[in-house]
Amino acid sequence: FPISDGRGRVIAFGGRILGDGQPKYLNSPETPLFHKGRNLYNFAMAREASRDLGTVIVAEGYTDVIALAQAGLPNAVAPLGTAVTEEQIGLLWRVADEPVLCFDGDTAGERAALRAAERALPLLKPGKTLRFMGLPAGEDPDSLVHSRGADGFRNIMGSTRQIADVICPTECSASPHGTPECRAAHQRRTNGRIAVLAENGVKDHYHQGFRLRLRDLFALLRGGPG
């Protein structure tokens, strides 16, 4: 798979194993021109397409990007065999205010979504965020567009989650909340996540949003209204 820079010039190559084995993906060695954490597969072509389509899709692998393009969704990119980095998030925001991250519908995909959300939190600013598309269990973008087509993919993409939806379920499952002490510990962990936000306006809105989520969660656990 040829890997290009933002101007479409080939700077490296990537390979994917056929069958089982590790590593699943293998790229050219890093050079002064190529750093896998600072580039995205298909970025140059996806940037052009995203201007018409209004967003950019982030899939996990090169074959996902190719399958989406073949199905009529040319605005897809992929990280180069690693978790999404801060530099890649910056690239995505040059293209779209709310890139859609689409990970496989399994436990590994959920972990990847959480890692991306955690990396994005300190970088959030007014108008710049991430959205997360949840795939059915066992599906990836490649299999989904082959079974349901581009329209089926777009239908699922219409119900994306925001960063708070990715972060909060993790916090909610971290411990029981039956006692005031447990609830206080849960609230402290949630506030710790919000503390990394650098932009004060965004941080204020996250505080308000998580306060309402915690109120509703604790009311549900008590069996009463908020």
C-alpha atoms as a PDB file:
ATOM      1  CA  PHE A   1       0.000   0.000   0.000  1.00  0.00           C
ATOM      2  CA  PRO A   2       1.627   3.321  -1.012  1.00  0.00           C
ATOM      3  CA  ILE A   3       1.563   5.895   1.783  1.00  0.00           C
ATOM      4  CA  SER A   4       1.502   9.528   0.668  1.00  0.00           C
ATOM      5  CA  ASP A   5       2.060  12.850   2.385  1.00  0.00           C
ATOM      6  CA  GLY A   6      -0.516  15.633   2.450  1.00  0.00           C
ATOM      7  CA  ARG A   7       0.382  16.634  -1.117  1.00  0.00           C
ATOM      8  CA  GLY A   8      -0.045  13.132  -2.507  1.00  0.00           C
ATOM      9  CA  ARG A   9       3.667  12.311  -2.830  1.00  0.00           C
ATOM     10  CA  VAL A  10       4.558   8.715  -1.926  1.00  0.00           C
ATOM     11  CA  ILE A  11       6.829   8.699   1.143  1.00  0.00           C
ATOM     12  CA  ALA A  12       6.548   5.070   2.346  1.00  0.00           C
ATOM     13  CA  PHE A  13       4.784   1.746   1.868  1.00  0.00           C
ATOM     14  CA  GLY A  14       2.652  -0.391   4.152  1.00  0.00           C
ATOM     15  CA  GLY A  15       1.840  -4.078   4.136  1.00  0.00           C
ATOM     16  CA  ARG A  16      -0.862  -6.221   5.740  1.00  0.00           C
ATOM     17  CA  ILE A  17      -0.345  -9.874   6.641  1.00  0.00           C
ATOM     18  CA  LEU A  18      -2.390 -12.423   4.704  1.00  0.00           C
ATOM     19  CA  GLY A  19      -3.985 -14.745   7.263  1.00  0.00           C
ATOM     20  CA  ASP A  20      -3.174 -14.852  10.957  1.00  0.00           C
ATOM     21  CA  GLY A  21      -0.026 -13.558  12.572  1.00  0.00           C
ATOM     22  CA  GLN A  22       1.671 -10.540  14.073  1.00  0.00           C
ATOM     23  CA  PRO A  23       2.324  -7.792  13.344  1.00  0.00           C
ATOM     24  CA  LYS A  24      -0.852  -7.385  11.326  1.00  0.00           C
ATOM     25  CA  TYR A  25       0.499  -4.275   9.596  1.00  0.00           C
ATOM     26  CA  LEU A  26       4.103  -3.437   8.735  1.00  0.00           C
ATOM     27  CA  ASN A  27       5.316  -0.126   7.314  1.00  0.00           C
ATOM     28  CA  SER A  28       8.528   1.183   5.796  1.00  0.00           C
ATOM     29  CA  PRO A  29      11.132   2.276   8.365  1.00  0.00           C
ATOM     30  CA  GLU A  30      10.739   5.827   9.627  1.00  0.00           C
ATOM     31  CA  THR A  31      12.798   8.458   7.807  1.00  0.00           C
ATOM     32  CA  PRO A  32      13.073  12.271   7.824  1.00  0.00           C
ATOM     33  CA  LEU A  33      10.146  12.219   5.356  1.00  0.00           C
ATOM     34  CA  PHE A  34       8.010   9.534   6.994  1.00  0.00           C
ATOM     35  CA  HIS A  35       6.807   9.336  10.577  1.00  0.00           C
ATOM     36  CA  LYS A  36       3.889   6.984  11.098  1.00  0.00           C
ATOM     37  CA  GLY A  37       2.406   9.049  13.937  1.00  0.00           C
ATOM     38  CA  ARG A  38       2.302  12.210  11.810  1.00  0.00           C
ATOM     39  CA  ASN A  39       0.724  10.859   8.649  1.00  0.00           C
ATOM     40  CA  LEU A  40      -2.553   9.223   7.674  1.00  0.00           C
ATOM     41  CA  TYR A  41      -3.204   6.686   4.945  1.00  0.00           C
ATOM     42  CA  ASN A  42      -5.145   8.250   2.033  1.00  0.00           C
ATOM     43  CA  PHE A  43      -5.066  11.717   3.610  1.00  0.00           C
ATOM     44  CA  ALA A  44      -4.456  13.692   0.412  1.00  0.00           C
ATOM     45  CA  MET A  45      -7.386  12.156  -1.499  1.00  0.00           C
ATOM     46  CA  ALA A  46      -9.702  12.100   1.528  1.00  0.00           C
ATOM     47  CA  ARG A  47      -9.045  15.795   2.156  1.00  0.00           C
ATOM     48  CA  GLU A  48     -10.353  16.658  -1.309  1.00  0.00           C
ATOM     49  CA  ALA A  49     -13.406  14.420  -0.943  1.00  0.00           C
ATOM     50  CA  SER A  50     -14.240  15.711   2.531  1.00  0.00           C
ATOM     51  CA  ARG A  51     -14.762  19.219   1.194  1.00  0.00           C
ATOM     52  CA  ASP A  52     -17.829  17.970  -0.659  1.00  0.00           C
ATOM     53  CA  LEU A  53     -18.967  15.372   1.888  1.00  0.00           C
ATOM     54  CA  GLY A  54     -18.549  17.529   4.999  1.00  0.00           C
ATOM     55  CA  THR A  55     -16.546  15.160   7.172  1.00  0.00           C
ATOM     56  CA  VAL A  56     -13.712  12.657   7.207  1.00  0.00           C
ATOM     57  CA  ILE A  57     -13.973   9.027   8.354  1.00  0.00           C
ATOM     58  CA  VAL A  58     -11.174   7.332  10.293  1.00  0.00           C
ATOM     59  CA  ALA A  59     -11.064   3.553   9.879  1.00  0.00           C
ATOM     60  CA  GLU A  60      -8.597   1.131  11.440  1.00  0.00           C
ATOM     61  CA  GLY A  61      -6.859  -0.327   8.397  1.00  0.00           C
ATOM     62  CA  TYR A  62      -5.818   0.259   4.809  1.00  0.00           C
ATOM     63  CA  THR A  63      -8.240  -2.338   3.416  1.00  0.00           C
ATOM     64  CA  ASP A  64     -11.124  -0.618   5.258  1.00  0.00           C
ATOM     65  CA  VAL A  65     -10.238   2.665   3.537  1.00  0.00           C
ATOM     66  CA  ILE A  66     -10.092   0.960   0.127  1.00  0.00           C
ATOM     67  CA  ALA A  67     -13.437  -0.805   0.672  1.00  0.00           C
ATOM     68  CA  LEU A  68     -15.098   2.464   1.696  1.00  0.00           C
ATOM     69  CA  ALA A  69     -13.705   4.243  -1.365  1.00  0.00           C
ATOM     70  CA  GLN A  70     -14.942   1.442  -3.648  1.00  0.00           C
ATOM     71  CA  ALA A  71     -18.394   1.789  -2.069  1.00  0.00           C
ATOM     72  CA  GLY A  72     -18.518   5.519  -2.810  1.00  0.00           C
ATOM     73  CA  LEU A  73     -17.075   6.872   0.443  1.00  0.00           C
ATOM     74  CA  PRO A  74     -13.712   8.321  -0.628  1.00  0.00           C
ATOM     75  CA  ASN A  75     -13.334  10.547   2.452  1.00  0.00           C
ATOM     76  CA  ALA A  76     -11.762   7.846   4.647  1.00  0.00           C
ATOM     77  CA  VAL A  77      -8.284   7.643   6.172  1.00  0.00           C
ATOM     78  CA  ALA A  78      -6.503   5.256   8.531  1.00  0.00           C
ATOM     79  CA  PRO A  79      -3.696   5.563  11.080  1.00  0.00           C
ATOM     80  CA  LEU A  80      -0.540   3.748  10.042  1.00  0.00           C
ATOM     81  CA  GLY A  81      -0.826   0.650  12.210  1.00  0.00           C
ATOM     82  CA  THR A  82      -0.856   2.548  15.513  1.00  0.00           C
ATOM     83  CA  ALA A  83      -3.393   4.178  17.805  1.00  0.00           C
ATOM     84  CA  VAL A  84      -4.574   7.617  16.676  1.00  0.00           C
ATOM     85  CA  THR A  85      -1.996  10.211  17.767  1.00  0.00           C
ATOM     86  CA  GLU A  86      -2.282  13.858  18.743  1.00  0.00           C
ATOM     87  CA  GLU A  87      -0.580  14.874  15.482  1.00  0.00           C
ATOM     88  CA  GLN A  88      -3.089  12.849  13.464  1.00  0.00           C
ATOM     89  CA  ILE A  89      -5.985  14.465  15.321  1.00  0.00           C
ATOM     90  CA  GLY A  90      -4.535  17.832  14.308  1.00  0.00           C
ATOM     91  CA  LEU A  91      -4.417  16.692  10.675  1.00  0.00           C
ATOM     92  CA  LEU A  92      -8.039  15.561  10.851  1.00  0.00           C
ATOM     93  CA  TRP A  93      -9.156  18.929  12.209  1.00  0.00           C
ATOM     94  CA  ARG A  94      -7.596  20.640   9.210  1.00  0.00           C
ATOM     95  CA  VAL A  95     -10.115  18.719   7.116  1.00  0.00           C
ATOM     96  CA  ALA A  96     -13.250  18.617   9.299  1.00  0.00           C
ATOM     97  CA  ASP A  97     -14.432  20.050  12.613  1.00  0.00           C
ATOM     98  CA  GLU A  98     -15.929  16.721  13.734  1.00  0.00           C
ATOM     99  CA  PRO A  99     -14.102  13.741  12.200  1.00  0.00           C
ATOM    100  CA  VAL A 100     -15.901  10.408  12.595  1.00  0.00           C
ATOM    101  CA  LEU A 101     -13.803   7.600  14.088  1.00  0.00           C
ATOM    102  CA  CYS A 102     -15.035   4.187  13.008  1.00  0.00           C
ATOM    103  CA  PHE A 103     -13.505   1.224  14.824  1.00  0.00           C
ATOM    104  CA  ASP A 104     -14.264  -2.477  14.658  1.00  0.00           C
ATOM    105  CA  GLY A 105     -17.307  -3.699  16.582  1.00  0.00           C
ATOM    106  CA  ASP A 106     -15.376  -5.654  19.202  1.00  0.00           C
ATOM    107  CA  THR A 107     -13.581  -5.136  22.517  1.00  0.00           C
ATOM    108  CA  ALA A 108     -10.398  -4.022  20.779  1.00  0.00           C
ATOM    109  CA  GLY A 109     -12.400  -1.455  18.843  1.00  0.00           C
ATOM    110  CA  GLU A 110     -13.900  -0.065  22.043  1.00  0.00           C
ATOM    111  CA  ARG A 111     -10.434   0.189  23.573  1.00  0.00           C
ATOM    112  CA  ALA A 112      -9.199   2.026  20.488  1.00  0.00           C
ATOM    113  CA  ALA A 113     -12.115   4.462  20.736  1.00  0.00           C
ATOM    114  CA  LEU A 114     -11.341   5.123  24.397  1.00  0.00           C
ATOM    115  CA  ARG A 115      -7.644   5.726  23.683  1.00  0.00           C
ATOM    116  CA  ALA A 116      -8.531   8.181  20.923  1.00  0.00           C
ATOM    117  CA  ALA A 117     -11.000  10.010  23.178  1.00  0.00           C
ATOM    118  CA  GLU A 118      -8.413  10.285  25.950  1.00  0.00           C
ATOM    119  CA  ARG A 119      -5.802  11.657  23.561  1.00  0.00           C
ATOM    120  CA  ALA A 120      -8.250  14.182  22.129  1.00  0.00           C
ATOM    121  CA  LEU A 121      -9.444  15.555  25.483  1.00  0.00           C
ATOM    122  CA  PRO A 122      -6.493  17.915  26.133  1.00  0.00           C
ATOM    123  CA  LEU A 123      -6.696  19.176  22.545  1.00  0.00           C
ATOM    124  CA  LEU A 124     -10.399  20.034  22.398  1.00  0.00           C
ATOM    125  CA  LYS A 125     -11.310  23.589  21.525  1.00  0.00           C
ATOM    126  CA  PRO A 126     -14.522  25.383  20.557  1.00  0.00           C
ATOM    127  CA  GLY A 127     -15.891  23.808  17.401  1.00  0.00           C
ATOM    128  CA  LYS A 128     -13.253  21.030  17.257  1.00  0.00           C
ATOM    129  CA  THR A 129     -14.151  17.574  18.553  1.00  0.00           C
ATOM    130  CA  LEU A 130     -14.430  13.917  17.519  1.00  0.00           C
ATOM    131  CA  ARG A 131     -17.428  11.696  16.852  1.00  0.00           C
ATOM    132  CA  PHE A 132     -17.438   7.916  17.274  1.00  0.00           C
ATOM    133  CA  MET A 133     -19.304   5.461  15.081  1.00  0.00           C
ATOM    134  CA  GLY A 134     -20.179   2.146  16.673  1.00  0.00           C
ATOM    135  CA  LEU A 135     -20.261  -0.860  14.353  1.00  0.00           C
ATOM    136  CA  PRO A 136     -22.318  -4.012  14.979  1.00  0.00           C
ATOM    137  CA  ALA A 137     -20.467  -6.751  16.862  1.00  0.00           C
ATOM    138  CA  GLY A 138     -18.013  -8.594  14.663  1.00  0.00           C
ATOM    139  CA  GLU A 139     -18.178  -6.054  11.823  1.00  0.00           C
ATOM    140  CA  ASP A 140     -15.513  -3.770  10.415  1.00  0.00           C
ATOM    141  CA  PRO A 141     -15.978  -1.088   7.717  1.00  0.00           C
ATOM    142  CA  ASP A 142     -14.849  -3.505   4.991  1.00  0.00           C
ATOM    143  CA  SER A 143     -17.377  -6.221   5.905  1.00  0.00           C
ATOM    144  CA  LEU A 144     -20.131  -3.696   6.591  1.00  0.00           C
ATOM    145  CA  VAL A 145     -20.050  -1.980   3.196  1.00  0.00           C
ATOM    146  CA  HIS A 146     -19.894  -5.353   1.473  1.00  0.00           C
ATOM    147  CA  SER A 147     -22.977  -6.614   3.326  1.00  0.00           C
ATOM    148  CA  ARG A 148     -25.036  -3.394   3.588  1.00  0.00           C
ATOM    149  CA  GLY A 149     -23.543  -1.037   1.015  1.00  0.00           C
ATOM    150  CA  ALA A 150     -22.714   2.632   1.355  1.00  0.00           C
ATOM    151  CA  ASP A 151     -26.264   3.533   2.404  1.00  0.00           C
ATOM    152  CA  GLY A 152     -26.159   1.029   5.256  1.00  0.00           C
ATOM    153  CA  PHE A 153     -22.862   2.469   6.393  1.00  0.00           C
ATOM    154  CA  ARG A 154     -24.240   6.022   6.237  1.00  0.00           C
ATOM    155  CA  ASN A 155     -27.311   4.994   8.245  1.00  0.00           C
ATOM    156  CA  ILE A 156     -25.115   3.764  11.096  1.00  0.00           C
ATOM    157  CA  MET A 157     -22.896   6.829  10.792  1.00  0.00           C
ATOM    158  CA  GLY A 158     -25.974   8.937  11.445  1.00  0.00           C
ATOM    159  CA  SER A 159     -25.974   7.741  15.077  1.00  0.00           C
ATOM    160  CA  THR A 160     -22.519   8.681  16.275  1.00  0.00           C
ATOM    161  CA  ARG A 161     -21.408   9.162  19.878  1.00  0.00           C
ATOM    162  CA  GLN A 162     -19.619  12.173  21.280  1.00  0.00           C
ATOM    163  CA  ILE A 163     -16.446  11.994  23.364  1.00  0.00           C
ATOM    164  CA  ALA A 164     -18.385  12.238  26.618  1.00  0.00           C
ATOM    165  CA  ASP A 165     -20.360   9.121  25.655  1.00  0.00           C
ATOM    166  CA  VAL A 166     -17.111   7.197  25.173  1.00  0.00           C
ATOM    167  CA  ILE A 167     -15.478   8.416  28.380  1.00  0.00           C
ATOM    168  CA  CYS A 168     -18.443   8.250  30.753  1.00  0.00           C
ATOM    169  CA  PRO A 169     -19.402   4.563  30.346  1.00  0.00           C
ATOM    170  CA  THR A 170     -15.826   3.626  31.276  1.00  0.00           C
ATOM    171  CA  GLU A 171     -16.048   5.714  34.415  1.00  0.00           C
ATOM    172  CA  CYS A 172     -19.497   4.389  35.253  1.00  0.00           C
ATOM    173  CA  SER A 173     -18.249   0.800  35.126  1.00  0.00           C
ATOM    174  CA  ALA A 174     -15.097   1.463  37.145  1.00  0.00           C
ATOM    175  CA  SER A 175     -16.703   0.819  40.541  1.00  0.00           C
ATOM    176  CA  PRO A 176     -20.031   0.314  42.315  1.00  0.00           C
ATOM    177  CA  HIS A 177     -21.844   3.478  43.376  1.00  0.00           C
ATOM    178  CA  GLY A 178     -24.025   2.235  46.188  1.00  0.00           C
ATOM    179  CA  THR A 179     -22.452   4.313  48.954  1.00  0.00           C
ATOM    180  CA  PRO A 180     -21.657   8.031  49.231  1.00  0.00           C
ATOM    181  CA  GLU A 181     -17.977   7.112  49.419  1.00  0.00           C
ATOM    182  CA  CYS A 182     -18.139   5.178  46.137  1.00  0.00           C
ATOM    183  CA  ARG A 183     -20.027   7.990  44.446  1.00  0.00           C
ATOM    184  CA  ALA A 184     -17.483  10.537  45.666  1.00  0.00           C
ATOM    185  CA  ALA A 185     -14.629   8.394  44.331  1.00  0.00           C
ATOM    186  CA  HIS A 186     -16.395   8.040  41.003  1.00  0.00           C
ATOM    187  CA  GLN A 187     -16.922  11.804  40.798  1.00  0.00           C
ATOM    188  CA  ARG A 188     -13.252  12.445  41.591  1.00  0.00           C
ATOM    189  CA  ARG A 189     -12.151  10.142  38.768  1.00  0.00           C
ATOM    190  CA  THR A 190     -14.504  11.866  36.339  1.00  0.00           C
ATOM    191  CA  ASN A 191     -13.248  15.296  37.396  1.00  0.00           C
ATOM    192  CA  GLY A 192      -9.697  14.032  36.902  1.00  0.00           C
ATOM    193  CA  ARG A 193     -10.448  13.267  33.269  1.00  0.00           C
ATOM    194  CA  ILE A 194     -11.957  16.711  32.730  1.00  0.00           C
ATOM    195  CA  ALA A 195      -8.950  18.391  34.367  1.00  0.00           C
ATOM    196  CA  VAL A 196      -6.778  17.665  31.319  1.00  0.00           C
ATOM    197  CA  LEU A 197      -8.909  19.961  29.144  1.00  0.00           C
ATOM    198  CA  ALA A 198      -6.854  23.011  28.254  1.00  0.00           C
ATOM    199  CA  GLU A 199      -9.558  25.319  26.909  1.00  0.00           C
ATOM    200  CA  ASN A 200     -11.533  26.827  29.782  1.00  0.00           C
ATOM    201  CA  GLY A 201     -14.797  27.285  27.892  1.00  0.00           C
ATOM    202  CA  VAL A 202     -14.852  23.653  26.771  1.00  0.00           C
ATOM    203  CA  LYS A 203     -13.843  22.516  30.273  1.00  0.00           C
ATOM    204  CA  ASP A 204     -16.772  24.426  31.813  1.00  0.00           C
ATOM    205  CA  HIS A 205     -19.259  22.743  29.503  1.00  0.00           C
ATOM    206  CA  TYR A 206     -17.779  19.313  30.212  1.00  0.00           C
ATOM    207  CA  HIS A 207     -18.093  19.966  33.952  1.00  0.00           C
ATOM    208  CA  GLN A 208     -21.755  20.890  33.499  1.00  0.00           C
ATOM    209  CA  GLY A 209     -22.454  17.913  31.268  1.00  0.00           C
ATOM    210  CA  PHE A 210     -20.762  15.357  33.521  1.00  0.00           C
ATOM    211  CA  ARG A 211     -22.453  16.829  36.593  1.00  0.00           C
ATOM    212  CA  LEU A 212     -25.838  16.147  34.984  1.00  0.00           C
ATOM    213  CA  ARG A 213     -24.761  12.644  33.937  1.00  0.00           C
ATOM    214  CA  LEU A 214     -23.613  11.834  37.463  1.00  0.00           C
ATOM    215  CA  ARG A 215     -26.817  13.218  38.945  1.00  0.00           C
ATOM    216  CA  ASP A 216     -28.909  11.017  36.671  1.00  0.00           C
ATOM    217  CA  LEU A 217     -26.709   7.973  37.301  1.00  0.00           C
ATOM    218  CA  PHE A 218     -26.850   8.296  41.079  1.00  0.00           C
ATOM    219  CA  ALA A 219     -30.604   8.956  40.993  1.00  0.00           C
ATOM    220  CA  LEU A 220     -31.089   5.792  38.953  1.00  0.00           C
ATOM    221  CA  LEU A 221     -29.050   3.797  41.433  1.00  0.00           C
ATOM    222  CA  ARG A 222     -31.160   5.162  44.288  1.00  0.00           C
ATOM    223  CA  GLY A 223     -34.282   4.241  42.352  1.00  0.00           C
ATOM    224  CA  GLY A 224     -35.653   7.762  42.363  1.00  0.00           C
ATOM    225  CA  PRO A 225     -35.943  10.816  40.100  1.00  0.00           C
ATOM    226  CA  GLY A 226     -32.968  13.149  39.532  1.00  0.00           C
END
